[in-house]
Amino acid sequence: MKRLLLGFALAAAVAYALRDWFAAPQPHPSWEETDNDPEDMSGDLAQRAREAEGAQASEESETPA
């Protein structure tokens, strides 16, 4: 019984090692030229909020009563 379990464990280890060895490399995210750059998020979000509030205020003033 111990040999059987050891055999299964060794087979699983070999299978995982082969899968990692032959697997395609995982892509690394690039923050360049994106709208969600972590370094720019705080200032960008504040600016977007100000622009949205300004757009909403101008829409309300243009709407006829």
PDB file of N, CA and C in Angstrom:
ATOM      1  N   MET A   1       0.829  -1.200   0.000  1.00  0.00           N
ATOM      2  CA  MET A   1       0.000   0.000   0.000  1.00  0.00           C
ATOM      3  C   MET A   1       0.876   1.267   0.000  1.00  0.00           C
ATOM      4  N   LYS A   2       1.951   1.201   0.790  1.00  0.00           N
ATOM      5  CA  LYS A   2       2.847   2.360   0.839  1.00  0.00           C
ATOM      6  C   LYS A   2       3.497   2.602  -0.521  1.00  0.00           C
ATOM      7  N   ARG A   3       3.862   1.543  -1.222  1.00  0.00           N
ATOM      8  CA  ARG A   3       4.467   1.679  -2.539  1.00  0.00           C
ATOM      9  C   ARG A   3       3.489   2.304  -3.526  1.00  0.00           C
ATOM     10  N   LEU A   4       2.220   1.903  -3.420  1.00  0.00           N
ATOM     11  CA  LEU A   4       1.200   2.451  -4.313  1.00  0.00           C
ATOM     12  C   LEU A   4       1.034   3.953  -4.094  1.00  0.00           C
ATOM     13  N   LEU A   5       0.924   4.364  -2.845  1.00  0.00           N
ATOM     14  CA  LEU A   5       0.800   5.792  -2.535  1.00  0.00           C
ATOM     15  C   LEU A   5       2.049   6.566  -2.938  1.00  0.00           C
ATOM     16  N   LEU A   6       3.217   5.981  -2.704  1.00  0.00           N
ATOM     17  CA  LEU A   6       4.460   6.641  -3.099  1.00  0.00           C
ATOM     18  C   LEU A   6       4.521   6.769  -4.630  1.00  0.00           C
ATOM     19  N   GLY A   7       4.067   5.755  -5.329  1.00  0.00           N
ATOM     20  CA  GLY A   7       4.041   5.801  -6.783  1.00  0.00           C
ATOM     21  C   GLY A   7       3.127   6.899  -7.298  1.00  0.00           C
ATOM     22  N   PHE A   8       1.925   7.004  -6.705  1.00  0.00           N
ATOM     23  CA  PHE A   8       1.004   8.077  -7.096  1.00  0.00           C
ATOM     24  C   PHE A   8       1.593   9.456  -6.795  1.00  0.00           C
ATOM     25  N   ALA A   9       2.232   9.597  -5.659  1.00  0.00           N
ATOM     26  CA  ALA A   9       2.828  10.886  -5.291  1.00  0.00           C
ATOM     27  C   ALA A   9       3.942  11.260  -6.269  1.00  0.00           C
ATOM     28  N   LEU A  10       4.788  10.283  -6.603  1.00  0.00           N
ATOM     29  CA  LEU A  10       5.873  10.556  -7.545  1.00  0.00           C
ATOM     30  C   LEU A  10       5.332  10.874  -8.940  1.00  0.00           C
ATOM     31  N   ALA A  11       4.310  10.154  -9.362  1.00  0.00           N
ATOM     32  CA  ALA A  11       3.714  10.418 -10.677  1.00  0.00           C
ATOM     33  C   ALA A  11       3.095  11.812 -10.717  1.00  0.00           C
ATOM     34  N   ALA A  12       2.420  12.207  -9.639  1.00  0.00           N
ATOM     35  CA  ALA A  12       1.828  13.546  -9.590  1.00  0.00           C
ATOM     36  C   ALA A  12       2.914  14.620  -9.619  1.00  0.00           C
ATOM     37  N   ALA A  13       3.999  14.388  -8.887  1.00  0.00           N
ATOM     38  CA  ALA A  13       5.090  15.367  -8.867  1.00  0.00           C
ATOM     39  C   ALA A  13       5.717  15.504 -10.249  1.00  0.00           C
ATOM     40  N   VAL A  14       5.915  14.384 -10.922  1.00  0.00           N
ATOM     41  CA  VAL A  14       6.498  14.433 -12.266  1.00  0.00           C
ATOM     42  C   VAL A  14       5.544  15.137 -13.229  1.00  0.00           C
ATOM     43  N   ALA A  15       4.242  14.841 -13.105  1.00  0.00           N
ATOM     44  CA  ALA A  15       3.265  15.473 -13.995  1.00  0.00           C
ATOM     45  C   ALA A  15       3.250  16.987 -13.803  1.00  0.00           C
ATOM     46  N   TYR A  16       3.266  17.463 -12.553  1.00  0.00           N
ATOM     47  CA  TYR A  16       3.280  18.908 -12.302  1.00  0.00           C
ATOM     48  C   TYR A  16       4.579  19.539 -12.798  1.00  0.00           C
ATOM     49  N   ALA A  17       5.704  18.848 -12.611  1.00  0.00           N
ATOM     50  CA  ALA A  17       6.979  19.393 -13.079  1.00  0.00           C
ATOM     51  C   ALA A  17       6.988  19.505 -14.598  1.00  0.00           C
ATOM     52  N   LEU A  18       6.493  18.479 -15.288  1.00  0.00           N
ATOM     53  CA  LEU A  18       6.445  18.530 -16.746  1.00  0.00           C
ATOM     54  C   LEU A  18       5.484  19.605 -17.232  1.00  0.00           C
ATOM     55  N   ARG A  19       4.369  19.759 -16.551  1.00  0.00           N
ATOM     56  CA  ARG A  19       3.403  20.784 -16.955  1.00  0.00           C
ATOM     57  C   ARG A  19       4.024  22.178 -16.825  1.00  0.00           C
ATOM     58  N   ASP A  20       4.733  22.437 -15.718  1.00  0.00           N
ATOM     59  CA  ASP A  20       5.385  23.731 -15.536  1.00  0.00           C
ATOM     60  C   ASP A  20       6.521  23.929 -16.539  1.00  0.00           C
ATOM     61  N   TRP A  21       7.245  22.853 -16.861  1.00  0.00           N
ATOM     62  CA  TRP A  21       8.381  22.950 -17.769  1.00  0.00           C
ATOM     63  C   TRP A  21       7.928  23.295 -19.194  1.00  0.00           C
ATOM     64  N   PHE A  22       6.842  22.650 -19.649  1.00  0.00           N
ATOM     65  CA  PHE A  22       6.401  22.828 -21.028  1.00  0.00           C
ATOM     66  C   PHE A  22       5.304  23.881 -21.202  1.00  0.00           C
ATOM     67  N   ALA A  23       4.854  24.468 -20.143  1.00  0.00           N
ATOM     68  CA  ALA A  23       3.768  25.455 -20.229  1.00  0.00           C
ATOM     69  C   ALA A  23       4.269  26.732 -20.896  1.00  0.00           C
ATOM     70  N   ALA A  24       3.356  27.416 -21.551  1.00  0.00           N
ATOM     71  CA  ALA A  24       3.693  28.705 -22.169  1.00  0.00           C
ATOM     72  C   ALA A  24       3.924  29.732 -21.052  1.00  0.00           C
ATOM     73  N   PRO A  25       4.864  30.633 -21.247  1.00  0.00           N
ATOM     74  CA  PRO A  25       5.116  31.640 -20.209  1.00  0.00           C
ATOM     75  C   PRO A  25       3.903  32.554 -20.029  1.00  0.00           C
ATOM     76  N   GLN A  26       3.648  32.912 -18.796  1.00  0.00           N
ATOM     77  CA  GLN A  26       2.529  33.789 -18.480  1.00  0.00           C
ATOM     78  C   GLN A  26       2.869  35.217 -18.882  1.00  0.00           C
ATOM     79  N   PRO A  27       1.918  35.938 -19.477  1.00  0.00           N
ATOM     80  CA  PRO A  27       2.205  37.324 -19.871  1.00  0.00           C
ATOM     81  C   PRO A  27       2.327  38.223 -18.644  1.00  0.00           C
ATOM     82  N   HIS A  28       3.228  39.161 -18.731  1.00  0.00           N
ATOM     83  CA  HIS A  28       3.410  40.125 -17.650  1.00  0.00           C
ATOM     84  C   HIS A  28       2.646  41.392 -18.015  1.00  0.00           C
ATOM     85  N   PRO A  29       1.828  41.902 -17.098  1.00  0.00           N
ATOM     86  CA  PRO A  29       1.051  43.097 -17.439  1.00  0.00           C
ATOM     87  C   PRO A  29       1.950  44.316 -17.631  1.00  0.00           C
ATOM     88  N   SER A  30       1.587  45.119 -18.582  1.00  0.00           N
ATOM     89  CA  SER A  30       2.317  46.348 -18.838  1.00  0.00           C
ATOM     90  C   SER A  30       1.393  47.515 -18.533  1.00  0.00           C
ATOM     91  N   TRP A  31       1.850  48.415 -17.698  1.00  0.00           N
ATOM     92  CA  TRP A  31       1.013  49.556 -17.321  1.00  0.00           C
ATOM     93  C   TRP A  31       1.215  50.725 -18.271  1.00  0.00           C
ATOM     94  N   GLU A  32       2.123  50.578 -19.223  1.00  0.00           N
ATOM     95  CA  GLU A  32       2.374  51.682 -20.139  1.00  0.00           C
ATOM     96  C   GLU A  32       1.197  51.841 -21.094  1.00  0.00           C
ATOM     97  N   GLU A  33       0.856  53.077 -21.371  1.00  0.00           N
ATOM     98  CA  GLU A  33      -0.209  53.433 -22.305  1.00  0.00           C
ATOM     99  C   GLU A  33      -1.568  52.844 -21.927  1.00  0.00           C
ATOM    100  N   THR A  34      -1.856  52.829 -20.642  1.00  0.00           N
ATOM    101  CA  THR A  34      -3.175  52.386 -20.190  1.00  0.00           C
ATOM    102  C   THR A  34      -3.798  53.475 -19.338  1.00  0.00           C
ATOM    103  N   ASP A  35      -5.101  53.391 -19.149  1.00  0.00           N
ATOM    104  CA  ASP A  35      -5.792  54.372 -18.318  1.00  0.00           C
ATOM    105  C   ASP A  35      -5.751  54.012 -16.842  1.00  0.00           C
ATOM    106  N   ASN A  36      -5.251  52.840 -16.500  1.00  0.00           N
ATOM    107  CA  ASN A  36      -5.278  52.415 -15.109  1.00  0.00           C
ATOM    108  C   ASN A  36      -3.881  52.215 -14.546  1.00  0.00           C
ATOM    109  N   ASP A  37      -2.995  53.141 -14.812  1.00  0.00           N
ATOM    110  CA  ASP A  37      -1.654  53.109 -14.257  1.00  0.00           C
ATOM    111  C   ASP A  37      -1.755  53.377 -12.757  1.00  0.00           C
ATOM    112  N   PRO A  38      -1.263  52.475 -11.911  1.00  0.00           N
ATOM    113  CA  PRO A  38      -1.402  52.663 -10.461  1.00  0.00           C
ATOM    114  C   PRO A  38      -0.781  53.957  -9.950  1.00  0.00           C
ATOM    115  N   GLU A  39       0.288  54.411 -10.598  1.00  0.00           N
ATOM    116  CA  GLU A  39       0.935  55.638 -10.135  1.00  0.00           C
ATOM    117  C   GLU A  39       0.092  56.870 -10.421  1.00  0.00           C
ATOM    118  N   ASP A  40      -0.751  56.817 -11.431  1.00  0.00           N
ATOM    119  CA  ASP A  40      -1.538  57.980 -11.828  1.00  0.00           C
ATOM    120  C   ASP A  40      -2.974  57.931 -11.321  1.00  0.00           C
ATOM    121  N   MET A  41      -3.361  56.874 -10.653  1.00  0.00           N
ATOM    122  CA  MET A  41      -4.768  56.680 -10.313  1.00  0.00           C
ATOM    123  C   MET A  41      -5.316  57.751  -9.370  1.00  0.00           C
ATOM    124  N   SER A  42      -4.586  58.116  -8.332  1.00  0.00           N
ATOM    125  CA  SER A  42      -5.145  59.032  -7.336  1.00  0.00           C
ATOM    126  C   SER A  42      -5.453  60.398  -7.944  1.00  0.00           C
ATOM    127  N   GLY A  43      -4.528  60.984  -8.634  1.00  0.00           N
ATOM    128  CA  GLY A  43      -4.758  62.291  -9.258  1.00  0.00           C
ATOM    129  C   GLY A  43      -5.754  62.200 -10.394  1.00  0.00           C
ATOM    130  N   ASP A  44      -5.677  61.142 -11.151  1.00  0.00           N
ATOM    131  CA  ASP A  44      -6.563  60.960 -12.291  1.00  0.00           C
ATOM    132  C   ASP A  44      -8.009  60.810 -11.832  1.00  0.00           C
ATOM    133  N   LEU A  45      -8.232  60.042 -10.780  1.00  0.00           N
ATOM    134  CA  LEU A  45      -9.597  59.852 -10.289  1.00  0.00           C
ATOM    135  C   LEU A  45     -10.179  61.155  -9.750  1.00  0.00           C
ATOM    136  N   ALA A  46      -9.357  61.933  -9.073  1.00  0.00           N
ATOM    137  CA  ALA A  46      -9.836  63.207  -8.563  1.00  0.00           C
ATOM    138  C   ALA A  46     -10.204  64.136  -9.721  1.00  0.00           C
ATOM    139  N   GLN A  47      -9.374  64.157 -10.761  1.00  0.00           N
ATOM    140  CA  GLN A  47      -9.651  64.995 -11.919  1.00  0.00           C
ATOM    141  C   GLN A  47     -10.919  64.538 -12.620  1.00  0.00           C
ATOM    142  N   ARG A  48     -11.101  63.224 -12.766  1.00  0.00           N
ATOM    143  CA  ARG A  48     -12.307  62.711 -13.413  1.00  0.00           C
ATOM    144  C   ARG A  48     -13.557  63.080 -12.619  1.00  0.00           C
ATOM    145  N   ALA A  49     -13.456  63.039 -11.296  1.00  0.00           N
ATOM    146  CA  ALA A  49     -14.609  63.393 -10.464  1.00  0.00           C
ATOM    147  C   ALA A  49     -14.959  64.863 -10.637  1.00  0.00           C
ATOM    148  N   ARG A  50     -13.940  65.721 -10.682  1.00  0.00           N
ATOM    149  CA  ARG A  50     -14.211  67.150 -10.884  1.00  0.00           C
ATOM    150  C   ARG A  50     -14.842  67.398 -12.250  1.00  0.00           C
ATOM    151  N   GLU A  51     -14.336  66.705 -13.274  1.00  0.00           N
ATOM    152  CA  GLU A  51     -14.900  66.876 -14.612  1.00  0.00           C
ATOM    153  C   GLU A  51     -16.339  66.384 -14.670  1.00  0.00           C
ATOM    154  N   ALA A  52     -16.622  65.279 -13.999  1.00  0.00           N
ATOM    155  CA  ALA A  52     -17.982  64.731 -13.998  1.00  0.00           C
ATOM    156  C   ALA A  52     -18.938  65.675 -13.274  1.00  0.00           C
ATOM    157  N   GLU A  53     -18.493  66.242 -12.163  1.00  0.00           N
ATOM    158  CA  GLU A  53     -19.347  67.186 -11.443  1.00  0.00           C
ATOM    159  C   GLU A  53     -19.604  68.429 -12.285  1.00  0.00           C
ATOM    160  N   GLY A  54     -18.582  68.895 -12.994  1.00  0.00           N
ATOM    161  CA  GLY A  54     -18.751  70.067 -13.860  1.00  0.00           C
ATOM    162  C   GLY A  54     -19.689  69.766 -15.011  1.00  0.00           C
ATOM    163  N   ALA A  55     -19.578  68.583 -15.596  1.00  0.00           N
ATOM    164  CA  ALA A  55     -20.463  68.205 -16.698  1.00  0.00           C
ATOM    165  C   ALA A  55     -21.892  68.058 -16.213  1.00  0.00           C
ATOM    166  N   GLN A  56     -22.054  67.500 -15.021  1.00  0.00           N
ATOM    167  CA  GLN A  56     -23.404  67.324 -14.485  1.00  0.00           C
ATOM    168  C   GLN A  56     -24.022  68.684 -14.168  1.00  0.00           C
ATOM    169  N   ALA A  57     -23.237  69.609 -13.624  1.00  0.00           N
ATOM    170  CA  ALA A  57     -23.759  70.932 -13.312  1.00  0.00           C
ATOM    171  C   ALA A  57     -24.138  71.682 -14.587  1.00  0.00           C
ATOM    172  N   SER A  58     -23.345  71.539 -15.643  1.00  0.00           N
ATOM    173  CA  SER A  58     -23.665  72.236 -16.891  1.00  0.00           C
ATOM    174  C   SER A  58     -24.893  71.616 -17.559  1.00  0.00           C
ATOM    175  N   GLU A  59     -25.089  70.306 -17.439  1.00  0.00           N
ATOM    176  CA  GLU A  59     -26.283  69.663 -17.997  1.00  0.00           C
ATOM    177  C   GLU A  59     -27.548  70.144 -17.276  1.00  0.00           C
ATOM    178  N   GLU A  60     -27.446  70.302 -15.974  1.00  0.00           N
ATOM    179  CA  GLU A  60     -28.610  70.742 -15.191  1.00  0.00           C
ATOM    180  C   GLU A  60     -28.977  72.182 -15.543  1.00  0.00           C
ATOM    181  N   SER A  61     -27.964  73.033 -15.810  1.00  0.00           N
ATOM    182  CA  SER A  61     -28.268  74.421 -16.144  1.00  0.00           C
ATOM    183  C   SER A  61     -28.806  74.555 -17.558  1.00  0.00           C
ATOM    184  N   GLU A  62     -28.494  73.627 -18.463  1.00  0.00           N
ATOM    185  CA  GLU A  62     -28.972  73.682 -19.835  1.00  0.00           C
ATOM    186  C   GLU A  62     -30.377  73.118 -19.982  1.00  0.00           C
ATOM    187  N   THR A  63     -30.824  72.308 -19.057  1.00  0.00           N
ATOM    188  CA  THR A  63     -32.112  71.665 -19.158  1.00  0.00           C
ATOM    189  C   THR A  63     -33.221  72.708 -18.955  1.00  0.00           C
ATOM    190  N   PRO A  64     -34.159  72.834 -19.914  1.00  0.00           N
ATOM    191  CA  PRO A  64     -35.236  73.818 -19.747  1.00  0.00           C
ATOM    192  C   PRO A  64     -36.206  73.359 -18.653  1.00  0.00           C
ATOM    193  N   ALA A  65     -36.749  74.326 -17.952  1.00  0.00           N
ATOM    194  CA  ALA A  65     -37.655  74.014 -16.828  1.00  0.00           C
ATOM    195  C   ALA A  65     -39.080  73.856 -17.294  1.00  0.00           C
TER     196      ALA A  65
END
